[in-house]
Each structure stands twice: as structure tokens, then as C-alpha cells.
Amino acid sequence: MTPKDKQHDKQKDFLRPELLDLIDPRHELVQLSQRIDWAELERHCQSFYCTDNGRPGSSSRLMIGLTPQTHLRAIG
């Protein structure tokens, strides 16, 4: 099933810091994520999702972003 669009709440949870406040913007994975055309990648991956059957899928960006992490963990 296709991933559902997440609704972004305009009001921040003051007990939970933003991810952008916790990560180093100079880190190579952060810089790589800024160079990827995520919208085009999502359009390309849509054909792999079923639109009306089963549990809603995770976002393509999440799944694609986790792939290098699994390989880095296997190596290190």
C-alpha cells in the first residue's frame, strides 16, 4: 500500500528537540541527503507500492535513507 502523507503539526512539542538541532550539518550523510532529488525518487518508487491492499508503507525516503546505514553497519 502507498505511504500515507504525514500531517505536519505547526505547533512544536517543546519537550522534543528538532532533529536539525541535534545533527551536524557538515556530516557527509547530511550533505548527501541535501543533494538527492527526493521527489523524483519517490515518483520512481511509487510503482513498487500497491495503492489499495495491505498496511500503508513506510516513506520511500526513509527506506532509501536506511539502506546505506545497513551496509555501513555490516562493514564496521
N, C-alpha and C. Protein backbone atom coordinates (compact mmCIF):
# COMPACT_ATOMS: atom_id res chain seq x y z
N MET A 1 0.84 -1.17 0.00
CA MET A 1 0.00 0.00 0.00
C MET A 1 0.89 1.24 0.00
N THR A 2 0.44 2.30 -0.60
CA THR A 2 1.26 3.51 -0.68
C THR A 2 1.38 4.17 0.69
N PRO A 3 2.51 4.82 0.95
CA PRO A 3 2.67 5.51 2.23
C PRO A 3 1.66 6.64 2.36
N LYS A 4 1.17 6.85 3.56
CA LYS A 4 0.25 7.96 3.80
C LYS A 4 1.06 9.23 4.00
N ASP A 5 0.50 10.35 3.53
CA ASP A 5 1.15 11.63 3.77
C ASP A 5 1.00 11.97 5.24
N LYS A 6 2.11 12.38 5.84
CA LYS A 6 2.05 12.74 7.25
C LYS A 6 1.64 14.20 7.36
N GLN A 7 0.75 14.46 8.28
CA GLN A 7 0.34 15.83 8.52
C GLN A 7 1.32 16.43 9.51
N HIS A 8 1.86 17.56 9.13
CA HIS A 8 2.83 18.23 9.99
C HIS A 8 2.11 19.22 10.89
N ASP A 9 2.26 19.01 12.19
CA ASP A 9 1.65 19.89 13.16
C ASP A 9 2.49 21.16 13.25
N LYS A 10 1.84 22.29 13.14
CA LYS A 10 2.55 23.57 13.17
C LYS A 10 3.11 23.87 14.55
N GLN A 11 2.48 23.32 15.57
CA GLN A 11 2.94 23.59 16.93
C GLN A 11 3.98 22.55 17.31
N LYS A 12 5.16 23.01 17.71
CA LYS A 12 6.22 22.09 18.11
C LYS A 12 5.98 21.55 19.51
N ASP A 13 6.49 20.38 19.74
CA ASP A 13 6.46 19.80 21.08
C ASP A 13 7.69 20.35 21.80
N PHE A 14 7.49 21.19 22.79
CA PHE A 14 8.62 21.85 23.43
C PHE A 14 9.53 20.91 24.21
N LEU A 15 9.08 19.70 24.49
CA LEU A 15 9.92 18.74 25.20
C LEU A 15 10.78 17.92 24.24
N ARG A 16 10.51 18.01 22.97
CA ARG A 16 11.22 17.21 21.99
C ARG A 16 12.01 18.13 21.05
N PRO A 17 13.34 18.08 21.08
CA PRO A 17 14.12 18.97 20.20
C PRO A 17 13.99 18.54 18.73
N GLU A 18 14.13 19.49 17.83
CA GLU A 18 14.11 19.21 16.40
C GLU A 18 15.36 18.39 16.04
N LEU A 19 15.20 17.47 15.09
CA LEU A 19 16.33 16.67 14.65
C LEU A 19 17.44 17.56 14.10
N LEU A 20 17.07 18.62 13.40
CA LEU A 20 18.07 19.53 12.83
C LEU A 20 18.93 20.19 13.90
N ASP A 21 18.41 20.30 15.12
CA ASP A 21 19.19 20.87 16.22
C ASP A 21 20.18 19.87 16.80
N LEU A 22 20.00 18.58 16.50
CA LEU A 22 20.83 17.54 17.09
C LEU A 22 21.94 17.04 16.18
N ILE A 23 21.79 17.21 14.88
CA ILE A 23 22.77 16.64 13.95
C ILE A 23 23.72 17.72 13.44
N ASP A 24 24.89 17.28 13.01
CA ASP A 24 25.91 18.17 12.47
C ASP A 24 25.65 18.38 10.98
N PRO A 25 25.35 19.60 10.54
CA PRO A 25 25.04 19.84 9.13
C PRO A 25 26.24 19.58 8.21
N ARG A 26 27.44 19.46 8.78
CA ARG A 26 28.64 19.20 7.96
C ARG A 26 28.88 17.70 7.75
N HIS A 27 28.10 16.86 8.40
CA HIS A 27 28.28 15.42 8.27
C HIS A 27 27.99 15.00 6.84
N GLU A 28 28.77 14.04 6.32
CA GLU A 28 28.66 13.65 4.91
C GLU A 28 27.29 13.08 4.54
N LEU A 29 26.63 12.39 5.46
CA LEU A 29 25.30 11.86 5.16
C LEU A 29 24.25 12.97 5.09
N VAL A 30 24.42 14.01 5.90
CA VAL A 30 23.51 15.16 5.83
C VAL A 30 23.69 15.87 4.50
N GLN A 31 24.94 16.05 4.10
CA GLN A 31 25.21 16.72 2.83
C GLN A 31 24.70 15.88 1.66
N LEU A 32 24.85 14.58 1.73
CA LEU A 32 24.35 13.70 0.68
C LEU A 32 22.83 13.80 0.58
N SER A 33 22.15 13.83 1.72
CA SER A 33 20.68 13.89 1.70
C SER A 33 20.17 15.18 1.07
N GLN A 34 20.97 16.24 1.14
CA GLN A 34 20.57 17.51 0.54
C GLN A 34 20.78 17.52 -0.97
N ARG A 35 21.59 16.63 -1.48
CA ARG A 35 21.87 16.58 -2.92
C ARG A 35 20.92 15.65 -3.68
N ILE A 36 20.21 14.81 -2.97
CA ILE A 36 19.32 13.84 -3.62
C ILE A 36 17.99 14.51 -3.94
N ASP A 37 17.49 14.27 -5.14
CA ASP A 37 16.17 14.76 -5.54
C ASP A 37 15.13 13.77 -5.02
N TRP A 38 14.64 14.01 -3.80
CA TRP A 38 13.75 13.07 -3.13
C TRP A 38 12.41 12.95 -3.83
N ALA A 39 11.91 14.03 -4.39
CA ALA A 39 10.61 13.99 -5.09
C ALA A 39 10.68 13.06 -6.29
N GLU A 40 11.77 13.15 -7.06
CA GLU A 40 11.93 12.28 -8.23
C GLU A 40 12.09 10.82 -7.79
N LEU A 41 12.81 10.59 -6.72
CA LEU A 41 13.00 9.23 -6.21
C LEU A 41 11.66 8.65 -5.74
N GLU A 42 10.83 9.46 -5.09
CA GLU A 42 9.52 8.99 -4.65
C GLU A 42 8.65 8.64 -5.85
N ARG A 43 8.69 9.47 -6.90
CA ARG A 43 7.90 9.17 -8.10
C ARG A 43 8.37 7.87 -8.73
N HIS A 44 9.65 7.64 -8.75
CA HIS A 44 10.20 6.41 -9.32
C HIS A 44 9.78 5.19 -8.51
N CYS A 45 9.75 5.30 -7.19
CA CYS A 45 9.44 4.16 -6.32
C CYS A 45 7.95 3.89 -6.18
N GLN A 46 7.09 4.81 -6.63
CA GLN A 46 5.65 4.61 -6.50
C GLN A 46 5.16 3.32 -7.14
N SER A 47 5.80 2.91 -8.22
CA SER A 47 5.33 1.72 -8.92
C SER A 47 5.54 0.44 -8.10
N PHE A 48 6.34 0.50 -7.06
CA PHE A 48 6.59 -0.67 -6.23
C PHE A 48 5.58 -0.82 -5.09
N TYR A 49 4.69 0.16 -4.95
CA TYR A 49 3.68 0.14 -3.89
C TYR A 49 2.31 -0.20 -4.46
N CYS A 50 1.55 -0.96 -3.73
CA CYS A 50 0.16 -1.24 -4.08
C CYS A 50 -0.69 -0.12 -3.48
N THR A 51 -1.65 0.36 -4.24
CA THR A 51 -2.42 1.51 -3.76
C THR A 51 -3.58 1.15 -2.84
N ASP A 52 -4.04 -0.11 -2.86
CA ASP A 52 -5.27 -0.40 -2.12
C ASP A 52 -5.23 -1.70 -1.33
N ASN A 53 -4.07 -2.21 -1.04
CA ASN A 53 -4.02 -3.51 -0.38
C ASN A 53 -2.97 -3.48 0.73
N GLY A 54 -3.36 -3.89 1.91
CA GLY A 54 -2.41 -4.06 2.99
C GLY A 54 -2.15 -2.81 3.81
N ARG A 55 -1.17 -2.93 4.64
CA ARG A 55 -0.76 -1.87 5.55
C ARG A 55 -0.10 -0.74 4.77
N PRO A 56 -0.30 0.52 5.16
CA PRO A 56 0.40 1.61 4.48
C PRO A 56 1.90 1.44 4.61
N GLY A 57 2.60 1.68 3.53
CA GLY A 57 4.04 1.51 3.53
C GLY A 57 4.76 2.64 4.24
N SER A 58 6.03 2.41 4.55
CA SER A 58 6.87 3.47 5.09
C SER A 58 7.25 4.40 3.95
N SER A 59 7.69 5.58 4.29
CA SER A 59 8.04 6.54 3.25
C SER A 59 9.25 6.03 2.46
N SER A 60 9.25 6.33 1.19
CA SER A 60 10.36 5.93 0.33
C SER A 60 11.66 6.55 0.81
N ARG A 61 11.58 7.80 1.26
CA ARG A 61 12.78 8.49 1.72
C ARG A 61 13.39 7.76 2.92
N LEU A 62 12.55 7.30 3.83
CA LEU A 62 13.05 6.57 4.99
C LEU A 62 13.73 5.27 4.56
N MET A 63 13.06 4.51 3.72
CA MET A 63 13.61 3.22 3.32
C MET A 63 14.90 3.37 2.50
N ILE A 64 14.92 4.34 1.60
CA ILE A 64 16.12 4.58 0.79
C ILE A 64 17.24 5.12 1.67
N GLY A 65 16.89 5.98 2.62
CA GLY A 65 17.90 6.53 3.51
C GLY A 65 18.50 5.51 4.47
N LEU A 66 17.74 4.51 4.82
CA LEU A 66 18.25 3.48 5.74
C LEU A 66 19.15 2.45 5.06
N THR A 67 19.01 2.32 3.75
CA THR A 67 19.79 1.31 3.03
C THR A 67 21.29 1.48 3.20
N PRO A 68 21.86 2.69 3.00
CA PRO A 68 23.31 2.84 3.22
C PRO A 68 23.70 2.56 4.66
N GLN A 69 22.81 2.89 5.61
CA GLN A 69 23.12 2.66 7.01
C GLN A 69 23.29 1.17 7.30
N THR A 70 22.46 0.34 6.71
CA THR A 70 22.57 -1.11 6.95
C THR A 70 23.87 -1.65 6.38
N HIS A 71 24.30 -1.11 5.24
CA HIS A 71 25.55 -1.56 4.66
C HIS A 71 26.74 -1.06 5.46
N LEU A 72 26.67 0.15 5.98
CA LEU A 72 27.77 0.68 6.81
C LEU A 72 27.90 -0.11 8.10
N ARG A 73 26.78 -0.53 8.66
CA ARG A 73 26.82 -1.33 9.87
C ARG A 73 27.45 -2.71 9.63
N ALA A 74 27.16 -3.28 8.47
CA ALA A 74 27.70 -4.60 8.14
C ALA A 74 29.21 -4.53 7.98
N ILE A 75 29.69 -3.41 7.45
CA ILE A 75 31.14 -3.26 7.22
C ILE A 75 31.87 -2.97 8.52
N GLY A 76 31.31 -2.04 9.32
CA GLY A 76 32.00 -1.55 10.50
C GLY A 76 31.69 -2.38 11.68
